């Protein structure tokens, strides 16, 4: 049986907005990727994802970012 690289737990309320996001990465120390995205999740009415660089992004330690998952669908000038 193949292990999944990650699993996601997102607890929703009636309007499908996510109020807690949990991302479990199996065997993190054995990852052989330069970057890894979580599954998408909704919070505040927008679609997000977590982006990590296990070996760092121009640094020598883990880099982690909150990334908007559908930037091309957002209004011009959105931030």
PDB file of N, CA and C in Angstrom:
ATOM      1  N   UNK A   1       0.843  -1.186   0.000  1.00  0.00           N
ATOM      2  CA  UNK A   1       0.000   0.000   0.000  1.00  0.00           C
ATOM      3  C   UNK A   1       0.884   1.244   0.000  1.00  0.00           C
ATOM      4  N   UNK A   2       0.597   2.175  -0.894  1.00  0.00           N
ATOM      5  CA  UNK A   2       1.389   3.393  -1.028  1.00  0.00           C
ATOM      6  C   UNK A   2       0.940   4.432  -0.025  1.00  0.00           C
ATOM      7  N   UNK A   3       1.900   5.060   0.663  1.00  0.00           N
ATOM      8  CA  UNK A   3       1.566   6.114   1.616  1.00  0.00           C
ATOM      9  C   UNK A   3       1.317   7.414   0.872  1.00  0.00           C
ATOM     10  N   UNK A   4       0.344   8.171   1.342  1.00  0.00           N
ATOM     11  CA  UNK A   4       0.092   9.493   0.782  1.00  0.00           C
ATOM     12  C   UNK A   4       1.132  10.466   1.338  1.00  0.00           C
ATOM     13  N   UNK A   5       1.507  11.417   0.524  1.00  0.00           N
ATOM     14  CA  UNK A   5       2.475  12.421   0.963  1.00  0.00           C
ATOM     15  C   UNK A   5       1.866  13.356   1.995  1.00  0.00           C
ATOM     16  N   UNK A   6       0.560  13.550   1.938  1.00  0.00           N
ATOM     17  CA  UNK A   6      -0.076  14.459   2.871  1.00  0.00           C
ATOM     18  C   UNK A   6      -1.535  14.094   3.044  1.00  0.00           C
ATOM     19  N   UNK A   7      -2.108  14.585   4.106  1.00  0.00           N
ATOM     20  CA  UNK A   7      -3.549  14.477   4.292  1.00  0.00           C
ATOM     21  C   UNK A   7      -4.035  15.799   4.844  1.00  0.00           C
ATOM     22  N   UNK A   8      -5.280  16.105   4.565  1.00  0.00           N
ATOM     23  CA  UNK A   8      -5.831  17.408   4.931  1.00  0.00           C
ATOM     24  C   UNK A   8      -7.079  17.208   5.765  1.00  0.00           C
ATOM     25  N   UNK A   9      -7.203  18.005   6.798  1.00  0.00           N
ATOM     26  CA  UNK A   9      -8.411  18.016   7.614  1.00  0.00           C
ATOM     27  C   UNK A   9      -8.896  19.455   7.654  1.00  0.00           C
ATOM     28  N   UNK A  10     -10.110  19.679   7.220  1.00  0.00           N
ATOM     29  CA  UNK A  10     -10.666  21.024   7.190  1.00  0.00           C
ATOM     30  C   UNK A  10     -12.045  20.976   7.804  1.00  0.00           C
ATOM     31  N   UNK A  11     -12.237  21.606   8.927  1.00  0.00           N
ATOM     32  CA  UNK A  11     -13.528  21.630   9.601  1.00  0.00           C
ATOM     33  C   UNK A  11     -14.327  22.824   9.090  1.00  0.00           C
ATOM     34  N   UNK A  12     -15.497  22.540   8.555  1.00  0.00           N
ATOM     35  CA  UNK A  12     -16.318  23.593   7.946  1.00  0.00           C
ATOM     36  C   UNK A  12     -17.529  23.926   8.799  1.00  0.00           C
ATOM     37  N   UNK A  13     -18.024  25.131   8.577  1.00  0.00           N
ATOM     38  CA  UNK A  13     -19.277  25.553   9.178  1.00  0.00           C
ATOM     39  C   UNK A  13     -20.301  25.607   8.044  1.00  0.00           C
ATOM     40  N   UNK A  14     -21.512  26.016   8.308  1.00  0.00           N
ATOM     41  CA  UNK A  14     -22.591  25.993   7.334  1.00  0.00           C
ATOM     42  C   UNK A  14     -22.297  26.638   5.993  1.00  0.00           C
ATOM     43  N   UNK A  15     -21.523  27.701   5.964  1.00  0.00           N
ATOM     44  CA  UNK A  15     -21.272  28.404   4.707  1.00  0.00           C
ATOM     45  C   UNK A  15     -20.032  27.882   3.988  1.00  0.00           C
ATOM     46  N   UNK A  16     -19.504  26.743   4.376  1.00  0.00           N
ATOM     47  CA  UNK A  16     -18.345  26.092   3.760  1.00  0.00           C
ATOM     48  C   UNK A  16     -17.039  26.853   3.944  1.00  0.00           C
ATOM     49  N   UNK A  17     -17.002  27.835   4.823  1.00  0.00           N
ATOM     50  CA  UNK A  17     -15.738  28.514   5.079  1.00  0.00           C
ATOM     51  C   UNK A  17     -14.938  27.677   6.074  1.00  0.00           C
ATOM     52  N   UNK A  18     -13.666  27.585   5.846  1.00  0.00           N
ATOM     53  CA  UNK A  18     -12.813  26.747   6.670  1.00  0.00           C
ATOM     54  C   UNK A  18     -12.306  27.545   7.860  1.00  0.00           C
ATOM     55  N   UNK A  19     -12.477  27.028   9.048  1.00  0.00           N
ATOM     56  CA  UNK A  19     -11.982  27.751  10.221  1.00  0.00           C
ATOM     57  C   UNK A  19     -10.776  27.081  10.841  1.00  0.00           C
ATOM     58  N   UNK A  20     -10.450  25.873  10.391  1.00  0.00           N
ATOM     59  CA  UNK A  20      -9.220  25.230  10.842  1.00  0.00           C
ATOM     60  C   UNK A  20      -8.734  24.311   9.732  1.00  0.00           C
ATOM     61  N   UNK A  21      -7.467  24.427   9.412  1.00  0.00           N
ATOM     62  CA  UNK A  21      -6.868  23.618   8.355  1.00  0.00           C
ATOM     63  C   UNK A  21      -5.706  22.847   8.955  1.00  0.00           C
ATOM     64  N   UNK A  22      -5.701  21.542   8.781  1.00  0.00           N
ATOM     65  CA  UNK A  22      -4.612  20.707   9.270  1.00  0.00           C
ATOM     66  C   UNK A  22      -4.013  19.968   8.083  1.00  0.00           C
ATOM     67  N   UNK A  23      -2.712  20.062   7.947  1.00  0.00           N
ATOM     68  CA  UNK A  23      -2.005  19.390   6.853  1.00  0.00           C
ATOM     69  C   UNK A  23      -0.956  18.490   7.479  1.00  0.00           C
ATOM     70  N   UNK A  24      -1.109  17.199   7.309  1.00  0.00           N
ATOM     71  CA  UNK A  24      -0.164  16.231   7.838  1.00  0.00           C
ATOM     72  C   UNK A  24       0.693  15.716   6.691  1.00  0.00           C
ATOM     73  N   UNK A  25       1.999  15.824   6.820  1.00  0.00           N
ATOM     74  CA  UNK A  25       2.925  15.347   5.797  1.00  0.00           C
ATOM     75  C   UNK A  25       3.623  14.107   6.350  1.00  0.00           C
ATOM     76  N   UNK A  26       3.376  12.987   5.708  1.00  0.00           N
ATOM     77  CA  UNK A  26       3.947  11.720   6.135  1.00  0.00           C
ATOM     78  C   UNK A  26       5.422  11.654   5.724  1.00  0.00           C
ATOM     79  N   UNK A  27       6.274  11.229   6.648  1.00  0.00           N
ATOM     80  CA  UNK A  27       7.720  11.087   6.391  1.00  0.00           C
ATOM     81  C   UNK A  27       8.359  12.375   5.865  1.00  0.00           C
ATOM     82  N   UNK A  28       8.062  13.473   6.514  1.00  0.00           N
ATOM     83  CA  UNK A  28       8.568  14.776   6.077  1.00  0.00           C
ATOM     84  C   UNK A  28      10.084  14.772   5.885  1.00  0.00           C
ATOM     85  N   UNK A  29      10.813  14.176   6.797  1.00  0.00           N
ATOM     86  CA  UNK A  29      12.280  14.195   6.729  1.00  0.00           C
ATOM     87  C   UNK A  29      12.820  13.420   5.530  1.00  0.00           C
ATOM     88  N   UNK A  30      11.994  12.613   4.892  1.00  0.00           N
ATOM     89  CA  UNK A  30      12.436  11.831   3.732  1.00  0.00           C
ATOM     90  C   UNK A  30      11.971  12.429   2.408  1.00  0.00           C
ATOM     91  N   UNK A  31      11.347  13.600   2.434  1.00  0.00           N
ATOM     92  CA  UNK A  31      10.889  14.238   1.200  1.00  0.00           C
ATOM     93  C   UNK A  31      12.064  14.536   0.288  1.00  0.00           C
ATOM     94  N   UNK A  32      11.879  14.290  -0.987  1.00  0.00           N
ATOM     95  CA  UNK A  32      12.912  14.570  -1.990  1.00  0.00           C
ATOM     96  C   UNK A  32      12.374  15.541  -3.036  1.00  0.00           C
ATOM     97  N   UNK A  33      11.681  16.575  -2.573  1.00  0.00           N
ATOM     98  CA  UNK A  33      11.116  17.586  -3.466  1.00  0.00           C
ATOM     99  C   UNK A  33      11.624  18.955  -3.042  1.00  0.00           C
ATOM    100  N   UNK A  34      11.686  19.879  -4.002  1.00  0.00           N
ATOM    101  CA  UNK A  34      12.144  21.225  -3.658  1.00  0.00           C
ATOM    102  C   UNK A  34      11.020  22.061  -3.066  1.00  0.00           C
ATOM    103  N   UNK A  35       9.773  21.791  -3.509  1.00  0.00           N
ATOM    104  CA  UNK A  35       8.623  22.500  -2.935  1.00  0.00           C
ATOM    105  C   UNK A  35       7.417  21.578  -2.948  1.00  0.00           C
ATOM    106  N   UNK A  36       6.462  21.895  -2.063  1.00  0.00           N
ATOM    107  CA  UNK A  36       5.278  21.053  -1.912  1.00  0.00           C
ATOM    108  C   UNK A  36       4.085  21.937  -1.568  1.00  0.00           C
ATOM    109  N   UNK A  37       2.970  21.738  -2.276  1.00  0.00           N
ATOM    110  CA  UNK A  37       1.724  22.470  -2.004  1.00  0.00           C
ATOM    111  C   UNK A  37       0.755  21.565  -1.253  1.00  0.00           C
ATOM    112  N   UNK A  38       0.019  22.140  -0.331  1.00  0.00           N
ATOM    113  CA  UNK A  38      -1.085  21.428   0.305  1.00  0.00           C
ATOM    114  C   UNK A  38      -2.252  21.404  -0.670  1.00  0.00           C
ATOM    115  N   UNK A  39      -3.290  20.668  -0.311  1.00  0.00           N
ATOM    116  CA  UNK A  39      -4.544  20.772  -1.044  1.00  0.00           C
ATOM    117  C   UNK A  39      -5.111  22.171  -0.799  1.00  0.00           C
ATOM    118  N   UNK A  40      -5.977  22.609  -1.697  1.00  0.00           N
ATOM    119  CA  UNK A  40      -6.627  23.912  -1.540  1.00  0.00           C
ATOM    120  C   UNK A  40      -7.651  23.855  -0.421  1.00  0.00           C
ATOM    121  N   UNK A  41      -7.865  25.006   0.222  1.00  0.00           N
ATOM    122  CA  UNK A  41      -8.904  25.130   1.234  1.00  0.00           C
ATOM    123  C   UNK A  41      -9.453  26.551   1.179  1.00  0.00           C
ATOM    124  N   UNK A  42     -10.667  26.725   1.696  1.00  0.00           N
ATOM    125  CA  UNK A  42     -11.310  28.036   1.695  1.00  0.00           C
ATOM    126  C   UNK A  42     -11.255  28.656   3.084  1.00  0.00           C
ATOM    127  N   UNK A  43     -10.958  29.943   3.117  1.00  0.00           N
ATOM    128  CA  UNK A  43     -10.977  30.733   4.351  1.00  0.00           C
ATOM    129  C   UNK A  43     -11.239  32.171   3.958  1.00  0.00           C
ATOM    130  N   UNK A  44     -12.158  32.814   4.652  1.00  0.00           N
ATOM    131  CA  UNK A  44     -12.469  34.206   4.367  1.00  0.00           C
ATOM    132  C   UNK A  44     -13.049  34.426   2.983  1.00  0.00           C
ATOM    133  N   UNK A  45     -13.636  33.389   2.413  1.00  0.00           N
ATOM    134  CA  UNK A  45     -14.229  33.512   1.089  1.00  0.00           C
ATOM    135  C   UNK A  45     -13.258  33.344  -0.055  1.00  0.00           C
ATOM    136  N   UNK A  46     -12.006  33.007   0.231  1.00  0.00           N
ATOM    137  CA  UNK A  46     -10.994  32.837  -0.808  1.00  0.00           C
ATOM    138  C   UNK A  46     -10.377  31.449  -0.724  1.00  0.00           C
ATOM    139  N   UNK A  47      -9.827  31.000  -1.854  1.00  0.00           N
ATOM    140  CA  UNK A  47      -9.186  29.696  -1.915  1.00  0.00           C
ATOM    141  C   UNK A  47      -7.682  29.871  -1.641  1.00  0.00           C
ATOM    142  N   UNK A  48      -7.176  29.099  -0.680  1.00  0.00           N
ATOM    143  CA  UNK A  48      -5.781  29.190  -0.262  1.00  0.00           C
ATOM    144  C   UNK A  48      -5.110  27.822  -0.341  1.00  0.00           C
ATOM    145  N   UNK A  49      -3.801  27.821  -0.179  1.00  0.00           N
ATOM    146  CA  UNK A  49      -3.024  26.601  -0.013  1.00  0.00           C
ATOM    147  C   UNK A  49      -1.742  26.975   0.713  1.00  0.00           C
ATOM    148  N   UNK A  50      -1.131  25.985   1.318  1.00  0.00           N
ATOM    149  CA  UNK A  50       0.158  26.191   1.978  1.00  0.00           C
ATOM    150  C   UNK A  50       1.240  25.735   1.010  1.00  0.00           C
ATOM    151  N   UNK A  51       2.295  26.496   0.920  1.00  0.00           N
ATOM    152  CA  UNK A  51       3.450  26.159   0.089  1.00  0.00           C
ATOM    153  C   UNK A  51       4.650  26.038   1.004  1.00  0.00           C
ATOM    154  N   UNK A  52       5.346  24.902   0.930  1.00  0.00           N
ATOM    155  CA  UNK A  52       6.573  24.751   1.711  1.00  0.00           C
ATOM    156  C   UNK A  52       7.741  24.406   0.801  1.00  0.00           C
ATOM    157  N   UNK A  53       8.905  24.831   1.226  1.00  0.00           N
ATOM    158  CA  UNK A  53      10.177  24.443   0.636  1.00  0.00           C
ATOM    159  C   UNK A  53      10.929  23.721   1.746  1.00  0.00           C
ATOM    160  N   UNK A  54      10.917  22.373   1.755  1.00  0.00           N
ATOM    161  CA  UNK A  54      11.525  21.623   2.860  1.00  0.00           C
ATOM    162  C   UNK A  54      12.989  21.970   3.123  1.00  0.00           C
ATOM    163  N   UNK A  55      13.735  22.290   2.079  1.00  0.00           N
ATOM    164  CA  UNK A  55      15.153  22.641   2.238  1.00  0.00           C
ATOM    165  C   UNK A  55      15.373  24.145   2.220  1.00  0.00           C
ATOM    166  N   UNK A  56      14.307  24.910   2.273  1.00  0.00           N
ATOM    167  CA  UNK A  56      14.407  26.370   2.304  1.00  0.00           C
ATOM    168  C   UNK A  56      14.267  27.009   0.937  1.00  0.00           C
ATOM    169  N   UNK A  57      13.904  28.279   0.948  1.00  0.00           N
ATOM    170  CA  UNK A  57      13.796  29.096  -0.256  1.00  0.00           C
ATOM    171  C   UNK A  57      14.843  30.200  -0.138  1.00  0.00           C
ATOM    172  N   UNK A  58      16.037  29.911  -0.630  1.00  0.00           N
ATOM    173  CA  UNK A  58      17.200  30.800  -0.516  1.00  0.00           C
ATOM    174  C   UNK A  58      17.688  30.953   0.917  1.00  0.00           C
ATOM    175  N   UNK A  59      17.355  29.978   1.764  1.00  0.00           N
ATOM    176  CA  UNK A  59      17.836  29.895   3.141  1.00  0.00           C
ATOM    177  C   UNK A  59      18.120  28.424   3.439  1.00  0.00           C
ATOM    178  N   UNK A  60      18.720  28.135   4.569  1.00  0.00           N
ATOM    179  CA  UNK A  60      19.087  26.763   4.910  1.00  0.00           C
ATOM    180  C   UNK A  60      18.113  26.095   5.869  1.00  0.00           C
ATOM    181  N   UNK A  61      16.869  26.517   5.871  1.00  0.00           N
ATOM    182  CA  UNK A  61      15.873  25.929   6.759  1.00  0.00           C
ATOM    183  C   UNK A  61      14.508  26.012   6.076  1.00  0.00           C
ATOM    184  N   UNK A  62      13.537  25.308   6.623  1.00  0.00           N
ATOM    185  CA  UNK A  62      12.195  25.243   6.065  1.00  0.00           C
ATOM    186  C   UNK A  62      11.632  26.638   5.801  1.00  0.00           C
ATOM    187  N   UNK A  63      11.059  26.803   4.613  1.00  0.00           N
ATOM    188  CA  UNK A  63      10.323  28.028   4.282  1.00  0.00           C
ATOM    189  C   UNK A  63       8.869  27.643   4.079  1.00  0.00           C
ATOM    190  N   UNK A  64       7.951  28.444   4.635  1.00  0.00           N
ATOM    191  CA  UNK A  64       6.520  28.145   4.556  1.00  0.00           C
ATOM    192  C   UNK A  64       5.764  29.421   4.212  1.00  0.00           C
ATOM    193  N   UNK A  65       4.794  29.290   3.287  1.00  0.00           N
ATOM    194  CA  UNK A  65       4.031  30.441   2.820  1.00  0.00           C
ATOM    195  C   UNK A  65       2.547  30.108   2.757  1.00  0.00           C
ATOM    196  N   UNK A  66       1.714  31.105   2.974  1.00  0.00           N
ATOM    197  CA  UNK A  66       0.292  31.030   2.692  1.00  0.00           C
ATOM    198  C   UNK A  66       0.134  31.583   1.289  1.00  0.00           C
ATOM    199  N   UNK A  67      -0.414  30.774   0.385  1.00  0.00           N
ATOM    200  CA  UNK A  67      -0.461  31.107  -1.035  1.00  0.00           C
ATOM    201  C   UNK A  67      -1.911  31.160  -1.497  1.00  0.00           C
ATOM    202  N   UNK A  68      -2.312  32.234  -2.169  1.00  0.00           N
ATOM    203  CA  UNK A  68      -3.654  32.292  -2.732  1.00  0.00           C
ATOM    204  C   UNK A  68      -3.688  31.316  -3.908  1.00  0.00           C
ATOM    205  N   UNK A  69      -4.681  30.428  -3.922  1.00  0.00           N
ATOM    206  CA  UNK A  69      -4.689  29.320  -4.875  1.00  0.00           C
ATOM    207  C   UNK A  69      -5.296  29.668  -6.229  1.00  0.00           C
ATOM    208  N   UNK A  70      -6.062  30.734  -6.315  1.00  0.00           N
ATOM    209  CA  UNK A  70      -6.724  31.067  -7.585  1.00  0.00           C
ATOM    210  C   UNK A  70      -6.535  32.540  -7.943  1.00  0.00           C
ATOM    211  N   UNK A  71      -5.303  32.993  -7.921  1.00  0.00           N
ATOM    212  CA  UNK A  71      -4.995  34.408  -8.153  1.00  0.00           C
ATOM    213  C   UNK A  71      -5.532  34.915  -9.490  1.00  0.00           C
ATOM    214  N   UNK A  72      -5.536  34.040 -10.507  1.00  0.00           N
ATOM    215  CA  UNK A  72      -6.001  34.478 -11.827  1.00  0.00           C
ATOM    216  C   UNK A  72      -7.489  34.809 -11.851  1.00  0.00           C
ATOM    217  N   UNK A  73      -8.246  34.347 -10.866  1.00  0.00           N
ATOM    218  CA  UNK A  73      -9.690  34.605 -10.799  1.00  0.00           C
ATOM    219  C   UNK A  73     -10.059  35.756  -9.882  1.00  0.00           C
ATOM    220  N   UNK A  74      -9.078  36.385  -9.262  1.00  0.00           N
ATOM    221  CA  UNK A  74      -9.351  37.493  -8.340  1.00  0.00           C
ATOM    222  C   UNK A  74      -9.371  38.821  -9.097  1.00  0.00           C
ATOM    223  N   UNK A  75     -10.086  39.816  -8.569  1.00  0.00           N
ATOM    224  CA  UNK A  75     -10.162  41.118  -9.245  1.00  0.00           C
ATOM    225  C   UNK A  75      -8.787  41.790  -9.321  1.00  0.00           C
ATOM    226  N   UNK A  76      -8.590  42.585 -10.334  1.00  0.00           N
ATOM    227  CA  UNK A  76      -7.344  43.329 -10.495  1.00  0.00           C
ATOM    228  C   UNK A  76      -7.075  44.185  -9.268  1.00  0.00           C
ATOM    229  N   UNK A  77      -5.863  44.161  -8.766  1.00  0.00           N
ATOM    230  CA  UNK A  77      -5.481  44.954  -7.603  1.00  0.00           C
ATOM    231  C   UNK A  77      -5.795  44.307  -6.273  1.00  0.00           C
ATOM    232  N   UNK A  78      -6.351  43.081  -6.302  1.00  0.00           N
ATOM    233  CA  UNK A  78      -6.670  42.372  -5.054  1.00  0.00           C
ATOM    234  C   UNK A  78      -5.399  42.118  -4.257  1.00  0.00           C
ATOM    235  N   UNK A  79      -5.498  42.274  -2.961  1.00  0.00           N
ATOM    236  CA  UNK A  79      -4.359  41.925  -2.105  1.00  0.00           C
ATOM    237  C   UNK A  79      -4.881  41.478  -0.756  1.00  0.00           C
TER     238      UNK A  79
END
